[in-house]
PDB file of N, CA and C in Angstrom:
ATOM      1  N   MET A   1      41.496 -40.878  19.369  1.00  0.00           N
ATOM      2  CA  MET A   1      40.370 -40.235  18.822  1.00  0.00           C
ATOM      3  C   MET A   1      40.731 -38.768  18.527  1.00  0.00           C
ATOM      4  N   GLU A   2      41.385 -37.734  19.330  1.00  0.00           N
ATOM      5  CA  GLU A   2      41.861 -36.725  19.508  1.00  0.00           C
ATOM      6  C   GLU A   2      42.997 -36.204  18.242  1.00  0.00           C
ATOM      7  N   ILE A   3      43.719 -37.204  18.283  1.00  0.00           N
ATOM      8  CA  ILE A   3      44.771 -37.152  17.207  1.00  0.00           C
ATOM      9  C   ILE A   3      44.008 -37.259  15.469  1.00  0.00           C
ATOM     10  N   ILE A   4      43.222 -38.190  15.859  1.00  0.00           N
ATOM     11  CA  ILE A   4      42.409 -38.132  14.171  1.00  0.00           C
ATOM     12  C   ILE A   4      41.817 -37.103  13.878  1.00  0.00           C
ATOM     13  N   LEU A   5      41.003 -36.486  15.214  1.00  0.00           N
ATOM     14  CA  LEU A   5      40.306 -34.899  14.357  1.00  0.00           C
ATOM     15  C   LEU A   5      41.323 -34.036  14.329  1.00  0.00           C
ATOM     16  N   LEU A   6      42.594 -34.221  15.102  1.00  0.00           N
ATOM     17  CA  LEU A   6      43.520 -32.868  14.692  1.00  0.00           C
ATOM     18  C   LEU A   6      43.727 -33.258  13.460  1.00  0.00           C
ATOM     19  N   ILE A   7      44.121 -34.243  12.891  1.00  0.00           N
ATOM     20  CA  ILE A   7      44.881 -34.513  11.466  1.00  0.00           C
ATOM     21  C   ILE A   7      43.699 -34.166  10.495  1.00  0.00           C
ATOM     22  N   ILE A   8      42.267 -34.222  10.766  1.00  0.00           N
ATOM     23  CA  ILE A   8      40.989 -34.196   9.685  1.00  0.00           C
ATOM     24  C   ILE A   8      41.269 -32.285  10.041  1.00  0.00           C
ATOM     25  N   GLY A   9      41.636 -31.976  10.866  1.00  0.00           N
ATOM     26  CA  GLY A   9      41.184 -30.313  10.765  1.00  0.00           C
ATOM     27  C   GLY A   9      42.537 -29.756   9.746  1.00  0.00           C
ATOM     28  N   ILE A  10      43.819 -30.532  10.405  1.00  0.00           N
ATOM     29  CA  ILE A  10      44.956 -29.849   9.245  1.00  0.00           C
ATOM     30  C   ILE A  10      44.448 -30.272   8.002  1.00  0.00           C
ATOM     31  N   ILE A  11      44.124 -31.256   7.686  1.00  0.00           N
ATOM     32  CA  ILE A  11      43.564 -31.480   6.029  1.00  0.00           C
ATOM     33  C   ILE A  11      42.738 -30.322   5.750  1.00  0.00           C
ATOM     34  N   VAL A  12      41.536 -30.306   6.484  1.00  0.00           N
ATOM     35  CA  VAL A  12      40.526 -29.455   5.863  1.00  0.00           C
ATOM     36  C   VAL A  12      41.031 -27.903   5.729  1.00  0.00           C
ATOM     37  N   PHE A  13      41.518 -27.622   6.846  1.00  0.00           N
ATOM     38  CA  PHE A  13      41.931 -26.128   7.108  1.00  0.00           C
ATOM     39  C   PHE A  13      42.254 -25.284   5.838  1.00  0.00           C
ATOM     40  N   PRO A  14      43.280 -26.008   5.300  1.00  0.00           N
ATOM     41  CA  PRO A  14      43.679 -25.217   4.000  1.00  0.00           C
ATOM     42  C   PRO A  14      42.747 -25.222   2.797  1.00  0.00           C
ATOM     43  N   GLY A  15      41.981 -26.316   2.926  1.00  0.00           N
ATOM     44  CA  GLY A  15      40.848 -25.957   2.045  1.00  0.00           C
ATOM     45  C   GLY A  15      39.542 -25.308   2.022  1.00  0.00           C
ATOM     46  N   GLY A  16      39.283 -24.993   2.928  1.00  0.00           N
ATOM     47  CA  GLY A  16      38.523 -23.980   3.551  1.00  0.00           C
ATOM     48  C   GLY A  16      39.331 -22.368   3.211  1.00  0.00           C
ATOM     49  N   VAL A  17      40.600 -22.496   3.584  1.00  0.00           N
ATOM     50  CA  VAL A  17      41.041 -21.065   3.018  1.00  0.00           C
ATOM     51  C   VAL A  17      41.117 -20.881   1.520  1.00  0.00           C
ATOM     52  N   ALA A  18      41.783 -21.843   1.003  1.00  0.00           N
ATOM     53  CA  ALA A  18      41.663 -21.840  -0.471  1.00  0.00           C
ATOM     54  C   ALA A  18      40.555 -21.545  -1.147  1.00  0.00           C
ATOM     55  N   LEU A  19      39.306 -22.173  -0.447  1.00  0.00           N
ATOM     56  CA  LEU A  19      37.869 -21.856  -0.691  1.00  0.00           C
ATOM     57  C   LEU A  19      37.476 -20.516  -0.829  1.00  0.00           C
ATOM     58  N   ASN A  20      37.718 -19.899   0.340  1.00  0.00           N
ATOM     59  CA  ASN A  20      37.417 -18.379   0.719  1.00  0.00           C
ATOM     60  C   ASN A  20      38.249 -17.802   0.106  1.00  0.00           C
ATOM     61  N   MET A  21      39.559 -17.701  -0.503  1.00  0.00           N
ATOM     62  CA  MET A  21      40.301 -16.922  -1.492  1.00  0.00           C
ATOM     63  C   MET A  21      39.661 -16.836  -2.847  1.00  0.00           C
ATOM     64  N   SER A  22      39.356 -18.104  -3.254  1.00  0.00           N
ATOM     65  CA  SER A  22      38.999 -18.229  -4.515  1.00  0.00           C
ATOM     66  C   SER A  22      37.726 -17.311  -4.933  1.00  0.00           C
ATOM     67  N   ILE A  23      36.712 -17.346  -3.663  1.00  0.00           N
ATOM     68  CA  ILE A  23      35.421 -16.813  -3.823  1.00  0.00           C
ATOM     69  C   ILE A  23      35.508 -15.457  -3.567  1.00  0.00           C
ATOM     70  N   ASN A  24      36.615 -14.621  -3.004  1.00  0.00           N
ATOM     71  CA  ASN A  24      36.822 -13.300  -2.441  1.00  0.00           C
ATOM     72  C   ASN A  24      37.598 -12.855  -3.688  1.00  0.00           C
ATOM     73  N   ARG A  25      38.301 -13.634  -4.521  1.00  0.00           N
ATOM     74  CA  ARG A  25      39.021 -12.854  -5.576  1.00  0.00           C
ATOM     75  C   ARG A  25      38.206 -13.053  -6.623  1.00  0.00           C
ATOM     76  N   ARG A  26      37.089 -13.820  -7.077  1.00  0.00           N
ATOM     77  CA  ARG A  26      36.404 -13.747  -8.218  1.00  0.00           C
ATOM     78  C   ARG A  26      35.536 -12.425  -7.711  1.00  0.00           C
ATOM     79  N   ARG A  27      35.093 -12.069  -6.627  1.00  0.00           N
ATOM     80  CA  ARG A  27      34.047 -10.894  -6.346  1.00  0.00           C
ATOM     81  C   ARG A  27      34.799  -9.519  -6.433  1.00  0.00           C
ATOM     82  N   PHE A  28      36.361  -9.730  -6.011  1.00  0.00           N
ATOM     83  CA  PHE A  28      37.521  -8.786  -6.316  1.00  0.00           C
ATOM     84  C   PHE A  28      37.155  -8.044  -7.546  1.00  0.00           C
ATOM     85  N   TYR A  29      37.340  -9.369  -8.733  1.00  0.00           N
ATOM     86  CA  TYR A  29      37.243  -8.891 -10.315  1.00  0.00           C
ATOM     87  C   TYR A  29      35.833  -8.615 -10.655  1.00  0.00           C
ATOM     88  N   ARG A  30      34.834  -9.283  -9.867  1.00  0.00           N
ATOM     89  CA  ARG A  30      33.252  -8.699 -10.496  1.00  0.00           C
ATOM     90  C   ARG A  30      33.257  -6.779 -10.263  1.00  0.00           C
ATOM     91  N   ARG A  31      34.070  -6.526  -9.701  1.00  0.00           N
ATOM     92  CA  ARG A  31      33.722  -5.366  -8.862  1.00  0.00           C
ATOM     93  C   ARG A  31      33.913  -4.439 -10.434  1.00  0.00           C
ATOM     94  N   GLY A  32      32.754  -3.630 -10.588  1.00  0.00           N
ATOM     95  CA  GLY A  32      32.930  -2.277 -11.349  1.00  0.00           C
ATOM     96  C   GLY A  32      33.798  -1.405 -11.451  1.00  0.00           C
ATOM     97  N   PRO A  33      33.875  -0.387 -12.238  1.00  0.00           N
ATOM     98  CA  PRO A  33      34.447   0.779 -12.299  1.00  0.00           C
ATOM     99  C   PRO A  33      34.093   1.871 -11.076  1.00  0.00           C
ATOM    100  N   GLY A  34      32.892   1.613 -10.826  1.00  0.00           N
ATOM    101  CA  GLY A  34      32.810   2.578  -9.884  1.00  0.00           C
ATOM    102  C   GLY A  34      32.646   2.035  -8.260  1.00  0.00           C
ATOM    103  N   GLY A  35      33.463   1.477  -8.412  1.00  0.00           N
ATOM    104  CA  GLY A  35      33.745   0.615  -7.091  1.00  0.00           C
ATOM    105  C   GLY A  35      35.033   1.686  -6.254  1.00  0.00           C
ATOM    106  N   LEU A  36      34.422   1.818  -4.558  1.00  0.00           N
ATOM    107  CA  LEU A  36      35.411   2.411  -3.802  1.00  0.00           C
ATOM    108  C   LEU A  36      36.844   2.206  -3.913  1.00  0.00           C
ATOM    109  N   GLN A  37      37.271   1.034  -3.498  1.00  0.00           N
ATOM    110  CA  GLN A  37      38.704   0.892  -3.909  1.00  0.00           C
ATOM    111  C   GLN A  37      39.241   0.025  -5.056  1.00  0.00           C
ATOM    112  N   HIS A  38      40.020   0.695  -5.881  1.00  0.00           N
ATOM    113  CA  HIS A  38      40.746   0.092  -6.717  1.00  0.00           C
ATOM    114  C   HIS A  38      42.107  -0.443  -6.453  1.00  0.00           C
ATOM    115  N   PHE A  39      42.581  -1.548  -6.822  1.00  0.00           N
ATOM    116  CA  PHE A  39      44.109  -1.834  -6.880  1.00  0.00           C
ATOM    117  C   PHE A  39      44.210  -2.729  -8.362  1.00  0.00           C
ATOM    118  N   GLU A  40      45.839  -3.085  -8.474  1.00  0.00           N
ATOM    119  CA  GLU A  40      45.962  -3.630  -9.596  1.00  0.00           C
ATOM    120  C   GLU A  40      45.550  -5.288  -9.726  1.00  0.00           C
ATOM    121  N   SER A  41      45.629  -5.754  -8.658  1.00  0.00           N
ATOM    122  CA  SER A  41      45.545  -7.062  -8.379  1.00  0.00           C
ATOM    123  C   SER A  41      44.940  -7.403  -7.283  1.00  0.00           C
ATOM    124  N   TYR A  42      44.577  -8.904  -7.027  1.00  0.00           N
ATOM    125  CA  TYR A  42      43.685  -9.035  -5.735  1.00  0.00           C
ATOM    126  C   TYR A  42      44.462  -9.024  -4.822  1.00  0.00           C
ATOM    127  N   GLY A  43      45.992  -9.765  -4.849  1.00  0.00           N
ATOM    128  CA  GLY A  43      46.956 -10.011  -3.962  1.00  0.00           C
ATOM    129  C   GLY A  43      47.402  -8.532  -3.345  1.00  0.00           C
ATOM    130  N   LYS A  44      47.385  -7.399  -4.013  1.00  0.00           N
ATOM    131  CA  LYS A  44      47.598  -5.915  -3.641  1.00  0.00           C
ATOM    132  C   LYS A  44      46.840  -5.956  -2.781  1.00  0.00           C
ATOM    133  N   ALA A  45      45.765  -5.861  -3.190  1.00  0.00           N
ATOM    134  CA  ALA A  45      44.364  -5.321  -2.204  1.00  0.00           C
ATOM    135  C   ALA A  45      44.307  -6.133  -0.853  1.00  0.00           C
ATOM    136  N   VAL A  46      44.808  -7.561  -0.788  1.00  0.00           N
ATOM    137  CA  VAL A  46      44.867  -8.258   0.381  1.00  0.00           C
ATOM    138  C   VAL A  46      45.853  -7.668   1.360  1.00  0.00           C
ATOM    139  N   ASP A  47      47.070  -7.487   0.591  1.00  0.00           N
ATOM    140  CA  ASP A  47      48.329  -7.260   1.393  1.00  0.00           C
ATOM    141  C   ASP A  47      47.989  -5.861   2.031  1.00  0.00           C
ATOM    142  N   ILE A  48      47.520  -4.928   1.133  1.00  0.00           N
ATOM    143  CA  ILE A  48      47.201  -3.337   1.578  1.00  0.00           C
ATOM    144  C   ILE A  48      46.474  -3.490   2.751  1.00  0.00           C
ATOM    145  N   SER A  49      45.126  -4.049   2.650  1.00  0.00           N
ATOM    146  CA  SER A  49      43.697  -4.022   3.590  1.00  0.00           C
ATOM    147  C   SER A  49      44.529  -4.838   4.503  1.00  0.00           C
ATOM    148  N   TYR A  50      45.128  -5.948   4.872  1.00  0.00           N
ATOM    149  CA  TYR A  50      45.937  -6.674   6.012  1.00  0.00           C
ATOM    150  C   TYR A  50      46.824  -5.576   6.794  1.00  0.00           C
ATOM    151  N   LEU A  51      47.451  -4.794   5.929  1.00  0.00           N
ATOM    152  CA  LEU A  51      48.763  -4.049   6.295  1.00  0.00           C
ATOM    153  C   LEU A  51      47.991  -2.685   7.179  1.00  0.00           C
ATOM    154  N   LEU A  52      47.037  -2.542   6.626  1.00  0.00           N
ATOM    155  CA  LEU A  52      46.005  -1.335   7.447  1.00  0.00           C
ATOM    156  C   LEU A  52      45.303  -1.687   8.247  1.00  0.00           C
ATOM    157  N   TYR A  53      44.731  -3.065   8.348  1.00  0.00           N
ATOM    158  CA  TYR A  53      44.232  -3.586   9.456  1.00  0.00           C
ATOM    159  C   TYR A  53      45.459  -3.639  10.741  1.00  0.00           C
ATOM    160  N   ILE A  54      46.351  -4.107  10.252  1.00  0.00           N
ATOM    161  CA  ILE A  54      47.486  -4.469  11.466  1.00  0.00           C
ATOM    162  C   ILE A  54      47.787  -2.793  12.200  1.00  0.00           C
ATOM    163  N   LEU A  55      48.272  -1.852  11.348  1.00  0.00           N
ATOM    164  CA  LEU A  55      48.542  -0.617  11.811  1.00  0.00           C
ATOM    165  C   LEU A  55      47.295   0.027  12.429  1.00  0.00           C
ATOM    166  N   TYR A  56      46.022   0.040  12.248  1.00  0.00           N
ATOM    167  CA  TYR A  56      45.117   0.429  12.867  1.00  0.00           C
ATOM    168  C   TYR A  56      44.808  -0.081  14.172  1.00  0.00           C
ATOM    169  N   PHE A  57      45.071  -1.431  14.615  1.00  0.00           N
ATOM    170  CA  PHE A  57      45.062  -1.988  15.768  1.00  0.00           C
ATOM    171  C   PHE A  57      46.479  -1.995  16.563  1.00  0.00           C
ATOM    172  N   ASN A  58      47.107  -1.607  16.056  1.00  0.00           N
ATOM    173  CA  ASN A  58      48.518  -1.392  16.774  1.00  0.00           C
ATOM    174  C   ASN A  58      48.427   0.197  17.124  1.00  0.00           C
ATOM    175  N   SER A  59      47.644   0.810  16.791  1.00  0.00           N
ATOM    176  CA  SER A  59      47.815   2.564  17.394  1.00  0.00           C
ATOM    177  C   SER A  59      46.804   2.989  18.455  1.00  0.00           C
TER     178      SER A  59
END
């Protein structure tokens, strides 16, 4: 029984991550020119935000 739940979790988890990324990407590109942070692309925004998060909690 536990194996079946593990397999279902492994299958569903990437779908949830992909859905979250697509929603956040659409929100990112919907942001107007008056937004606080401006990045060239959604990928760079995620990378820089994640790097700052890591640096903040390591200090």
